[in-house]
Amino acid sequence: MARQLARRQQRERIAGVLVVCFGLVVLAVAIIALREPNGHLAAAAASTASELARQSPSGPVPSDSNGSTFPPRGTDPPSGTGLQAVPLVVLNNSTIHGLALQATQQFEAGGWTVTKFGNYHNLIISTCAYYDPSDPTAKAAAEALQRQFPAIKRVEPKFPELPGGPVVVVLTGDYAST
């Protein structure tokens, strides 16, 4: 009986040690995730950018301040006038291959200037034009873009994880279904 009790206590100690080790691993992962919340953005954008760069003869792929890479756009002067001259960044936050390129072509055909496009991974609920609140023309441009392209469901201020630019359009699956 004493032997069974000793074995049981030993198993409980081992289980306790395993639970503590598991907790430490979870804590370490959480700390890493909190320190680099959008680390997956750069990797995803880099793979898409390198794929797009192979299709484009325009040369090396630049990166923005977040380390995200995007294929370069033409060096022509802005094609739009007024609000349409406000540069756009277009990001695909869906599993639909080529959606950012498709939207870029649509926006440019509508007279807008797109400076960058690529992929993005975040919990975005619907297609949104995010504007830089410090740029006095960005909100008006985002609203004008939404009026011209009703598939853009929302206009909101930018959040820090987005790349630089006065207006960043993040596309979700609802953009492709319109």
N, C-alpha and C. Protein backbone atom coordinates (compact mmCIF):
# COMPACT_ATOMS: atom_id res chain seq x y z
N MET A 1 0.82 -1.19 0.00
CA MET A 1 0.00 0.00 0.00
C MET A 1 0.87 1.26 0.00
N ALA A 2 1.91 1.23 0.82
CA ALA A 2 2.82 2.37 0.89
C ALA A 2 3.54 2.55 -0.44
N ARG A 3 3.84 1.44 -1.10
CA ARG A 3 4.51 1.50 -2.39
C ARG A 3 3.60 2.15 -3.44
N GLN A 4 2.33 1.78 -3.45
CA GLN A 4 1.37 2.37 -4.39
C GLN A 4 1.22 3.87 -4.14
N LEU A 5 1.17 4.24 -2.87
CA LEU A 5 1.06 5.65 -2.52
C LEU A 5 2.29 6.42 -3.00
N ALA A 6 3.47 5.85 -2.86
CA ALA A 6 4.71 6.50 -3.30
C ALA A 6 4.70 6.67 -4.82
N ARG A 7 4.26 5.63 -5.55
CA ARG A 7 4.19 5.72 -7.01
C ARG A 7 3.20 6.80 -7.44
N ARG A 8 2.07 6.84 -6.77
CA ARG A 8 1.05 7.84 -7.10
C ARG A 8 1.60 9.25 -6.88
N GLN A 9 2.28 9.46 -5.76
CA GLN A 9 2.85 10.77 -5.48
C GLN A 9 3.93 11.14 -6.51
N GLN A 10 4.70 10.13 -6.94
CA GLN A 10 5.72 10.38 -7.95
C GLN A 10 5.08 10.78 -9.29
N ARG A 11 4.01 10.09 -9.67
CA ARG A 11 3.31 10.44 -10.90
C ARG A 11 2.72 11.84 -10.80
N GLU A 12 2.17 12.21 -9.67
CA GLU A 12 1.60 13.54 -9.50
C GLU A 12 2.68 14.62 -9.58
N ARG A 13 3.87 14.33 -9.02
CA ARG A 13 4.98 15.28 -9.12
C ARG A 13 5.41 15.46 -10.58
N ILE A 14 5.52 14.34 -11.30
CA ILE A 14 5.90 14.40 -12.72
C ILE A 14 4.86 15.19 -13.51
N ALA A 15 3.59 14.93 -13.25
CA ALA A 15 2.53 15.66 -13.93
C ALA A 15 2.62 17.15 -13.59
N GLY A 16 2.88 17.46 -12.37
CA GLY A 16 3.01 18.86 -11.96
C GLY A 16 4.18 19.54 -12.66
N VAL A 17 5.30 18.85 -12.76
CA VAL A 17 6.47 19.40 -13.45
C VAL A 17 6.15 19.63 -14.93
N LEU A 18 5.45 18.68 -15.55
CA LEU A 18 5.08 18.83 -16.96
C LEU A 18 4.14 20.01 -17.16
N VAL A 19 3.20 20.20 -16.26
CA VAL A 19 2.29 21.34 -16.36
C VAL A 19 3.06 22.64 -16.23
N VAL A 20 3.99 22.72 -15.32
CA VAL A 20 4.79 23.92 -15.14
C VAL A 20 5.63 24.19 -16.39
N CYS A 21 6.25 23.14 -16.95
CA CYS A 21 7.04 23.30 -18.18
C CYS A 21 6.17 23.79 -19.32
N PHE A 22 4.99 23.23 -19.47
CA PHE A 22 4.08 23.65 -20.52
C PHE A 22 3.70 25.12 -20.33
N GLY A 23 3.45 25.50 -19.10
CA GLY A 23 3.11 26.89 -18.80
C GLY A 23 4.26 27.83 -19.16
N LEU A 24 5.49 27.43 -18.90
CA LEU A 24 6.64 28.26 -19.26
C LEU A 24 6.78 28.40 -20.77
N VAL A 25 6.52 27.34 -21.51
CA VAL A 25 6.58 27.40 -22.97
C VAL A 25 5.51 28.36 -23.49
N VAL A 26 4.30 28.25 -22.98
CA VAL A 26 3.22 29.15 -23.39
C VAL A 26 3.58 30.59 -23.06
N LEU A 27 4.14 30.83 -21.89
CA LEU A 27 4.56 32.18 -21.50
C LEU A 27 5.62 32.72 -22.45
N ALA A 28 6.60 31.90 -22.80
CA ALA A 28 7.65 32.34 -23.72
C ALA A 28 7.07 32.70 -25.09
N VAL A 29 6.17 31.88 -25.60
CA VAL A 29 5.53 32.16 -26.89
C VAL A 29 4.73 33.45 -26.80
N ALA A 30 4.01 33.66 -25.72
CA ALA A 30 3.22 34.88 -25.56
C ALA A 30 4.11 36.12 -25.51
N ILE A 31 5.23 36.03 -24.83
CA ILE A 31 6.15 37.17 -24.75
C ILE A 31 6.71 37.49 -26.13
N ILE A 32 7.09 36.48 -26.87
CA ILE A 32 7.61 36.69 -28.23
C ILE A 32 6.53 37.30 -29.11
N ALA A 33 5.32 36.80 -29.01
CA ALA A 33 4.22 37.32 -29.84
C ALA A 33 3.91 38.78 -29.49
N LEU A 34 4.00 39.13 -28.23
CA LEU A 34 3.72 40.50 -27.82
C LEU A 34 4.83 41.46 -28.25
N ARG A 35 6.06 40.97 -28.30
CA ARG A 35 7.17 41.82 -28.71
C ARG A 35 7.21 42.04 -30.21
N GLU A 36 6.72 41.07 -31.00
CA GLU A 36 6.72 41.18 -32.45
C GLU A 36 5.34 40.78 -32.98
N PRO A 37 4.30 41.62 -32.74
CA PRO A 37 2.94 41.23 -33.09
C PRO A 37 2.68 41.07 -34.58
N ASN A 38 3.45 41.73 -35.44
CA ASN A 38 3.20 41.59 -36.87
C ASN A 38 4.39 41.00 -37.59
N GLY A 39 5.14 40.15 -36.93
CA GLY A 39 6.29 39.52 -37.56
C GLY A 39 5.91 38.70 -38.77
N HIS A 40 4.70 38.16 -38.78
CA HIS A 40 4.24 37.37 -39.92
C HIS A 40 3.97 38.23 -41.14
N LEU A 41 3.75 39.52 -40.96
CA LEU A 41 3.47 40.42 -42.08
C LEU A 41 4.65 40.49 -43.03
N ALA A 42 5.82 40.68 -42.48
CA ALA A 42 6.99 40.84 -43.35
C ALA A 42 7.26 39.58 -44.15
N ALA A 43 7.13 38.41 -43.53
CA ALA A 43 7.39 37.17 -44.25
C ALA A 43 6.40 36.95 -45.37
N ALA A 44 5.12 37.19 -45.10
CA ALA A 44 4.11 36.99 -46.13
C ALA A 44 4.26 38.00 -47.25
N ALA A 45 4.51 39.24 -46.90
CA ALA A 45 4.66 40.27 -47.93
C ALA A 45 5.92 40.01 -48.75
N ALA A 46 6.98 39.53 -48.10
CA ALA A 46 8.22 39.26 -48.81
C ALA A 46 8.04 38.15 -49.84
N SER A 47 7.31 37.09 -49.47
CA SER A 47 7.12 36.00 -50.42
C SER A 47 6.28 36.46 -51.61
N THR A 48 5.25 37.24 -51.35
CA THR A 48 4.43 37.74 -52.45
C THR A 48 5.20 38.73 -53.29
N ALA A 49 5.96 39.59 -52.65
CA ALA A 49 6.71 40.58 -53.40
C ALA A 49 7.75 39.92 -54.29
N SER A 50 8.42 38.88 -53.78
CA SER A 50 9.41 38.24 -54.62
C SER A 50 8.75 37.55 -55.80
N GLU A 51 7.56 36.99 -55.58
CA GLU A 51 6.82 36.37 -56.68
C GLU A 51 6.43 37.42 -57.71
N LEU A 52 5.94 38.57 -57.25
CA LEU A 52 5.55 39.63 -58.16
C LEU A 52 6.75 40.26 -58.85
N ALA A 53 7.89 40.32 -58.15
CA ALA A 53 9.09 40.90 -58.76
C ALA A 53 9.58 40.03 -59.91
N ARG A 54 9.39 38.72 -59.81
CA ARG A 54 9.79 37.84 -60.91
C ARG A 54 8.94 38.12 -62.14
N GLN A 55 7.69 38.54 -61.92
CA GLN A 55 6.80 38.83 -63.03
C GLN A 55 7.05 40.22 -63.60
N SER A 56 7.71 41.09 -62.85
CA SER A 56 7.90 42.48 -63.25
C SER A 56 9.35 42.74 -63.59
N PRO A 57 9.65 43.42 -64.69
CA PRO A 57 11.03 43.70 -65.05
C PRO A 57 11.59 44.93 -64.34
N SER A 58 10.93 45.42 -63.32
CA SER A 58 11.30 46.71 -62.74
C SER A 58 12.45 46.67 -61.75
N GLY A 59 13.04 45.52 -61.46
CA GLY A 59 14.24 45.50 -60.63
C GLY A 59 13.98 45.08 -59.20
N PRO A 60 14.85 45.51 -58.27
CA PRO A 60 14.78 45.05 -56.88
C PRO A 60 13.52 45.53 -56.18
N VAL A 61 13.18 44.81 -55.12
CA VAL A 61 11.96 45.10 -54.37
C VAL A 61 12.32 45.92 -53.14
N PRO A 62 11.80 47.15 -53.01
CA PRO A 62 12.11 47.97 -51.84
C PRO A 62 11.33 47.50 -50.62
N SER A 63 11.70 48.00 -49.44
CA SER A 63 10.95 47.66 -48.23
C SER A 63 10.56 48.94 -47.53
N ASP A 64 9.47 48.85 -46.75
CA ASP A 64 9.02 50.03 -46.02
C ASP A 64 9.59 50.02 -44.62
N SER A 65 9.17 50.95 -43.78
CA SER A 65 9.72 51.09 -42.44
C SER A 65 9.41 49.90 -41.55
N ASN A 66 8.39 49.10 -41.87
CA ASN A 66 8.06 47.92 -41.08
C ASN A 66 8.84 46.70 -41.55
N GLY A 67 9.68 46.84 -42.58
CA GLY A 67 10.42 45.72 -43.12
C GLY A 67 9.61 44.93 -44.14
N SER A 68 8.41 45.38 -44.44
CA SER A 68 7.59 44.70 -45.43
C SER A 68 8.09 45.07 -46.82
N THR A 69 8.06 44.12 -47.72
CA THR A 69 8.52 44.40 -49.07
C THR A 69 7.35 44.46 -50.02
N PHE A 70 7.49 45.30 -51.02
CA PHE A 70 6.46 45.50 -52.01
C PHE A 70 7.11 45.66 -53.36
N PRO A 71 6.48 45.21 -54.41
CA PRO A 71 7.04 45.46 -55.73
C PRO A 71 6.94 46.94 -56.06
N PRO A 72 7.94 47.49 -56.73
CA PRO A 72 7.88 48.92 -57.05
C PRO A 72 6.83 49.18 -58.10
N ARG A 73 6.24 50.34 -58.04
CA ARG A 73 5.29 50.77 -59.06
C ARG A 73 6.03 51.71 -59.99
N GLY A 74 5.40 52.11 -61.05
CA GLY A 74 6.04 52.99 -62.03
C GLY A 74 6.50 54.30 -61.42
N THR A 75 7.44 54.95 -62.09
CA THR A 75 7.97 56.21 -61.59
C THR A 75 7.30 57.40 -62.27
N ASP A 76 6.23 57.14 -63.00
CA ASP A 76 5.50 58.21 -63.66
C ASP A 76 4.89 59.12 -62.62
N PRO A 77 4.64 60.37 -62.96
CA PRO A 77 3.96 61.26 -62.02
C PRO A 77 2.55 60.76 -61.75
N PRO A 78 1.95 61.17 -60.63
CA PRO A 78 0.61 60.70 -60.30
C PRO A 78 -0.37 60.95 -61.44
N SER A 79 -1.16 59.92 -61.74
CA SER A 79 -2.10 60.03 -62.85
C SER A 79 -3.38 60.73 -62.44
N GLY A 80 -3.73 60.68 -61.15
CA GLY A 80 -4.98 61.26 -60.70
C GLY A 80 -4.85 62.76 -60.50
N THR A 81 -5.98 63.38 -60.37
CA THR A 81 -5.99 64.80 -60.06
C THR A 81 -6.72 64.98 -58.74
N GLY A 82 -6.39 66.01 -58.01
CA GLY A 82 -7.05 66.26 -56.74
C GLY A 82 -6.85 65.11 -55.78
N LEU A 83 -7.94 64.60 -55.23
CA LEU A 83 -7.87 63.52 -54.24
C LEU A 83 -7.32 62.23 -54.84
N GLN A 84 -7.53 62.02 -56.12
CA GLN A 84 -7.03 60.80 -56.75
C GLN A 84 -5.51 60.77 -56.82
N ALA A 85 -4.85 61.90 -56.63
CA ALA A 85 -3.39 61.94 -56.63
C ALA A 85 -2.81 61.46 -55.30
N VAL A 86 -3.65 61.32 -54.26
CA VAL A 86 -3.18 60.81 -52.98
C VAL A 86 -2.76 59.36 -53.17
N PRO A 87 -1.51 59.00 -52.86
CA PRO A 87 -1.03 57.64 -53.12
C PRO A 87 -1.74 56.60 -52.27
N LEU A 88 -1.99 55.45 -52.89
CA LEU A 88 -2.63 54.32 -52.21
C LEU A 88 -1.64 53.17 -52.04
N VAL A 89 -1.80 52.44 -50.96
CA VAL A 89 -1.14 51.15 -50.76
C VAL A 89 -2.27 50.14 -50.70
N VAL A 90 -2.15 49.06 -51.46
CA VAL A 90 -3.23 48.07 -51.54
C VAL A 90 -2.70 46.74 -51.01
N LEU A 91 -3.38 46.18 -50.00
CA LEU A 91 -2.95 44.94 -49.36
C LEU A 91 -4.05 43.89 -49.41
N ASN A 92 -3.68 42.69 -49.76
CA ASN A 92 -4.60 41.55 -49.83
C ASN A 92 -4.59 40.82 -48.50
N ASN A 93 -5.68 40.88 -47.77
CA ASN A 93 -5.83 40.19 -46.48
C ASN A 93 -6.81 39.04 -46.65
N SER A 94 -6.70 38.34 -47.77
CA SER A 94 -7.59 37.20 -48.03
C SER A 94 -6.76 36.05 -48.57
N THR A 95 -7.41 34.95 -48.82
CA THR A 95 -6.73 33.80 -49.41
C THR A 95 -6.86 33.79 -50.93
N ILE A 96 -7.39 34.85 -51.50
CA ILE A 96 -7.60 34.94 -52.94
C ILE A 96 -6.32 35.44 -53.60
N HIS A 97 -5.67 34.56 -54.35
CA HIS A 97 -4.40 34.88 -54.99
C HIS A 97 -4.58 36.01 -56.01
N GLY A 98 -3.72 37.02 -55.93
CA GLY A 98 -3.72 38.11 -56.89
C GLY A 98 -4.75 39.19 -56.67
N LEU A 99 -5.45 39.18 -55.54
CA LEU A 99 -6.50 40.16 -55.30
C LEU A 99 -5.94 41.59 -55.22
N ALA A 100 -4.78 41.77 -54.61
CA ALA A 100 -4.20 43.12 -54.50
C ALA A 100 -3.83 43.64 -55.89
N LEU A 101 -3.28 42.80 -56.73
CA LEU A 101 -2.94 43.24 -58.08
C LEU A 101 -4.20 43.58 -58.87
N GLN A 102 -5.23 42.76 -58.74
CA GLN A 102 -6.51 43.02 -59.43
C GLN A 102 -7.09 44.36 -58.98
N ALA A 103 -7.13 44.60 -57.67
CA ALA A 103 -7.68 45.85 -57.15
C ALA A 103 -6.81 47.03 -57.57
N THR A 104 -5.49 46.84 -57.56
CA THR A 104 -4.58 47.90 -58.00
C THR A 104 -4.90 48.32 -59.42
N GLN A 105 -5.11 47.36 -60.29
CA GLN A 105 -5.44 47.66 -61.68
C GLN A 105 -6.78 48.40 -61.78
N GLN A 106 -7.75 47.99 -60.96
CA GLN A 106 -9.05 48.66 -60.97
C GLN A 106 -8.92 50.11 -60.48
N PHE A 107 -8.18 50.30 -59.39
CA PHE A 107 -8.01 51.65 -58.85
C PHE A 107 -7.29 52.55 -59.86
N GLU A 108 -6.23 52.02 -60.48
CA GLU A 108 -5.49 52.81 -61.46
C GLU A 108 -6.35 53.12 -62.68
N ALA A 109 -7.17 52.17 -63.11
CA ALA A 109 -8.08 52.41 -64.23
C ALA A 109 -9.10 53.50 -63.87
N GLY A 110 -9.40 53.62 -62.57
CA GLY A 110 -10.31 54.65 -62.09
C GLY A 110 -9.63 55.99 -61.86
N GLY A 111 -8.33 56.08 -62.17
CA GLY A 111 -7.62 57.35 -62.04
C GLY A 111 -6.80 57.52 -60.78
N TRP A 112 -6.72 56.50 -59.93
CA TRP A 112 -5.98 56.59 -58.67
C TRP A 112 -4.52 56.21 -58.87
N THR A 113 -3.68 56.63 -57.94
CA THR A 113 -2.25 56.32 -57.97
C THR A 113 -1.96 55.28 -56.89
N VAL A 114 -1.50 54.10 -57.31
CA VAL A 114 -1.12 53.04 -56.36
C VAL A 114 0.39 52.95 -56.36
N THR A 115 1.01 53.13 -55.19
CA THR A 115 2.46 53.11 -55.09
C THR A 115 3.01 51.76 -54.65
N LYS A 116 2.20 50.97 -53.92
CA LYS A 116 2.64 49.66 -53.43
C LYS A 116 1.45 48.74 -53.37
N PHE A 117 1.71 47.44 -53.52
CA PHE A 117 0.69 46.44 -53.25
C PHE A 117 1.36 45.17 -52.79
N GLY A 118 0.63 44.36 -52.06
CA GLY A 118 1.18 43.11 -51.54
C GLY A 118 0.16 42.39 -50.68
N ASN A 119 0.65 41.47 -49.86
CA ASN A 119 -0.21 40.69 -48.98
C ASN A 119 -0.11 41.20 -47.56
N TYR A 120 -1.12 40.87 -46.77
CA TYR A 120 -1.19 41.28 -45.38
C TYR A 120 -1.98 40.23 -44.62
N HIS A 121 -1.62 39.99 -43.38
CA HIS A 121 -2.34 39.02 -42.57
C HIS A 121 -2.67 39.64 -41.22
N ASN A 122 -3.97 39.82 -40.99
CA ASN A 122 -4.44 40.39 -39.74
C ASN A 122 -5.92 40.06 -39.63
N LEU A 123 -6.53 40.38 -38.53
CA LEU A 123 -7.96 40.12 -38.34
C LEU A 123 -8.76 41.33 -38.77
N ILE A 124 -8.90 41.51 -40.06
CA ILE A 124 -9.66 42.61 -40.63
C ILE A 124 -11.03 42.04 -41.03
N ILE A 125 -12.12 42.66 -40.56
CA ILE A 125 -13.45 42.07 -40.77
C ILE A 125 -14.03 42.32 -42.14
N SER A 126 -13.68 43.44 -42.76
CA SER A 126 -14.20 43.74 -44.10
C SER A 126 -13.25 44.71 -44.78
N THR A 127 -13.35 44.79 -46.09
CA THR A 127 -12.47 45.67 -46.86
C THR A 127 -12.59 47.10 -46.34
N CYS A 128 -11.43 47.71 -46.12
CA CYS A 128 -11.42 49.03 -45.49
C CYS A 128 -10.32 49.90 -46.09
N ALA A 129 -10.61 51.17 -46.26
CA ALA A 129 -9.61 52.17 -46.63
C ALA A 129 -9.18 52.87 -45.34
N TYR A 130 -7.95 52.59 -44.92
CA TYR A 130 -7.41 53.21 -43.71
C TYR A 130 -6.65 54.47 -44.12
N TYR A 131 -6.92 55.57 -43.42
CA TYR A 131 -6.27 56.83 -43.76
C TYR A 131 -5.39 57.30 -42.62
N ASP A 132 -4.36 58.06 -42.97
CA ASP A 132 -3.45 58.64 -42.00
C ASP A 132 -4.08 59.91 -41.45
N PRO A 133 -4.46 59.94 -40.17
CA PRO A 133 -5.14 61.13 -39.62
C PRO A 133 -4.26 62.38 -39.62
N SER A 134 -2.94 62.21 -39.73
CA SER A 134 -2.06 63.38 -39.73
C SER A 134 -1.96 64.03 -41.12
N ASP A 135 -2.48 63.35 -42.15
CA ASP A 135 -2.46 63.90 -43.50
C ASP A 135 -3.82 64.55 -43.77
N PRO A 136 -3.87 65.86 -44.02
CA PRO A 136 -5.15 66.55 -44.14
C PRO A 136 -6.02 66.09 -45.32
N THR A 137 -5.43 65.49 -46.34
CA THR A 137 -6.23 65.06 -47.50
C THR A 137 -6.56 63.56 -47.48
N ALA A 138 -5.94 62.82 -46.57
CA ALA A 138 -6.07 61.36 -46.60
C ALA A 138 -7.51 60.88 -46.35
N LYS A 139 -8.19 61.44 -45.36
CA LYS A 139 -9.55 60.99 -45.06
C LYS A 139 -10.49 61.28 -46.23
N ALA A 140 -10.40 62.47 -46.79
CA ALA A 140 -11.25 62.83 -47.92
C ALA A 140 -10.96 61.91 -49.12
N ALA A 141 -9.68 61.59 -49.33
CA ALA A 141 -9.33 60.69 -50.43
C ALA A 141 -9.88 59.29 -50.19
N ALA A 142 -9.77 58.80 -48.96
CA ALA A 142 -10.30 57.47 -48.64
C ALA A 142 -11.82 57.43 -48.84
N GLU A 143 -12.50 58.48 -48.44
CA GLU A 143 -13.95 58.53 -48.62
C GLU A 143 -14.33 58.62 -50.10
N ALA A 144 -13.56 59.38 -50.89
CA ALA A 144 -13.81 59.46 -52.33
C ALA A 144 -13.57 58.11 -53.00
N LEU A 145 -12.53 57.41 -52.56
CA LEU A 145 -12.24 56.08 -53.10
C LEU A 145 -13.39 55.13 -52.78
N GLN A 146 -13.91 55.20 -51.57
CA GLN A 146 -15.04 54.34 -51.17
C GLN A 146 -16.28 54.66 -52.01
N ARG A 147 -16.53 55.92 -52.27
CA ARG A 147 -17.68 56.28 -53.11
C ARG A 147 -17.53 55.72 -54.52
N GLN A 148 -16.31 55.77 -55.05
CA GLN A 148 -16.07 55.28 -56.40
C GLN A 148 -16.08 53.75 -56.46
N PHE A 149 -15.63 53.11 -55.38
CA PHE A 149 -15.56 51.64 -55.32
C PHE A 149 -16.33 51.17 -54.08
N PRO A 150 -17.63 50.96 -54.20
CA PRO A 150 -18.47 50.60 -53.06
C PRO A 150 -18.10 49.27 -52.40
N ALA A 151 -17.25 48.48 -53.04
CA ALA A 151 -16.79 47.24 -52.41
C ALA A 151 -15.93 47.54 -51.18
N ILE A 152 -15.45 48.77 -51.07
CA ILE A 152 -14.73 49.20 -49.86
C ILE A 152 -15.80 49.53 -48.84
N LYS A 153 -15.93 48.69 -47.84
CA LYS A 153 -17.04 48.78 -46.89
C LYS A 153 -16.87 49.87 -45.84
N ARG A 154 -15.63 50.16 -45.48
CA ARG A 154 -15.40 51.09 -44.36
C ARG A 154 -14.25 52.03 -44.66
N VAL A 155 -14.25 53.17 -43.97
CA VAL A 155 -13.13 54.11 -43.96
C VAL A 155 -12.80 54.36 -42.49
N GLU A 156 -11.57 54.08 -42.11
CA GLU A 156 -11.15 54.19 -40.70
C GLU A 156 -9.76 54.80 -40.61
N PRO A 157 -9.39 55.38 -39.44
CA PRO A 157 -8.01 55.83 -39.23
C PRO A 157 -7.06 54.63 -39.23
N LYS A 158 -5.84 54.85 -39.70
CA LYS A 158 -4.84 53.78 -39.74
C LYS A 158 -4.45 53.35 -38.33
N PHE A 159 -4.02 52.09 -38.22
CA PHE A 159 -3.44 51.60 -36.97
C PHE A 159 -1.95 51.37 -37.21
N PRO A 160 -1.13 51.35 -36.16
CA PRO A 160 0.33 51.38 -36.31
C PRO A 160 0.94 50.24 -37.13
N GLU A 161 0.34 49.08 -37.17
CA GLU A 161 0.95 47.95 -37.87
C GLU A 161 0.88 48.06 -39.39
N LEU A 162 0.10 48.99 -39.91
CA LEU A 162 -0.01 49.15 -41.36
C LEU A 162 1.22 49.86 -41.90
N PRO A 163 1.58 49.58 -43.15
CA PRO A 163 2.74 50.28 -43.75
C PRO A 163 2.43 51.76 -43.97
N GLY A 164 3.48 52.53 -44.21
CA GLY A 164 3.32 53.95 -44.43
C GLY A 164 2.54 54.26 -45.69
N GLY A 165 1.94 55.41 -45.70
CA GLY A 165 1.15 55.87 -46.83
C GLY A 165 -0.07 56.60 -46.34
N PRO A 166 -0.52 57.59 -47.08
CA PRO A 166 -1.70 58.34 -46.63
C PRO A 166 -2.96 57.48 -46.58
N VAL A 167 -3.13 56.58 -47.57
CA VAL A 167 -4.30 55.70 -47.60
C VAL A 167 -3.82 54.27 -47.87
N VAL A 168 -4.23 53.36 -46.99
CA VAL A 168 -3.90 51.94 -47.14
C VAL A 168 -5.22 51.18 -47.25
N VAL A 169 -5.42 50.53 -48.38
CA VAL A 169 -6.64 49.76 -48.60
C VAL A 169 -6.32 48.30 -48.27
N VAL A 170 -7.03 47.76 -47.28
CA VAL A 170 -6.86 46.35 -46.92
C VAL A 170 -8.08 45.60 -47.44
N LEU A 171 -7.81 44.68 -48.36
CA LEU A 171 -8.87 43.91 -49.01
C LEU A 171 -9.12 42.62 -48.28
N THR A 172 -10.40 42.27 -48.13
CA THR A 172 -10.78 40.98 -47.58
C THR A 172 -11.58 40.24 -48.64
N GLY A 173 -12.02 39.03 -48.32
CA GLY A 173 -12.76 38.23 -49.28
C GLY A 173 -14.01 38.89 -49.80
N ASP A 174 -14.58 39.83 -49.03
CA ASP A 174 -15.79 40.50 -49.50
C ASP A 174 -15.54 41.41 -50.69
N TYR A 175 -14.30 41.83 -50.90
CA TYR A 175 -13.99 42.69 -52.06
C TYR A 175 -14.12 41.88 -53.36
N ALA A 176 -13.66 40.65 -53.33
CA ALA A 176 -13.68 39.81 -54.53
C ALA A 176 -15.09 39.37 -54.89
N SER A 177 -15.98 39.32 -53.92
CA SER A 177 -17.32 38.81 -54.18
C SER A 177 -18.25 39.88 -54.74
N THR A 178 -17.74 41.11 -54.92
CA THR A 178 -18.59 42.17 -55.48
C THR A 178 -18.33 42.38 -56.95
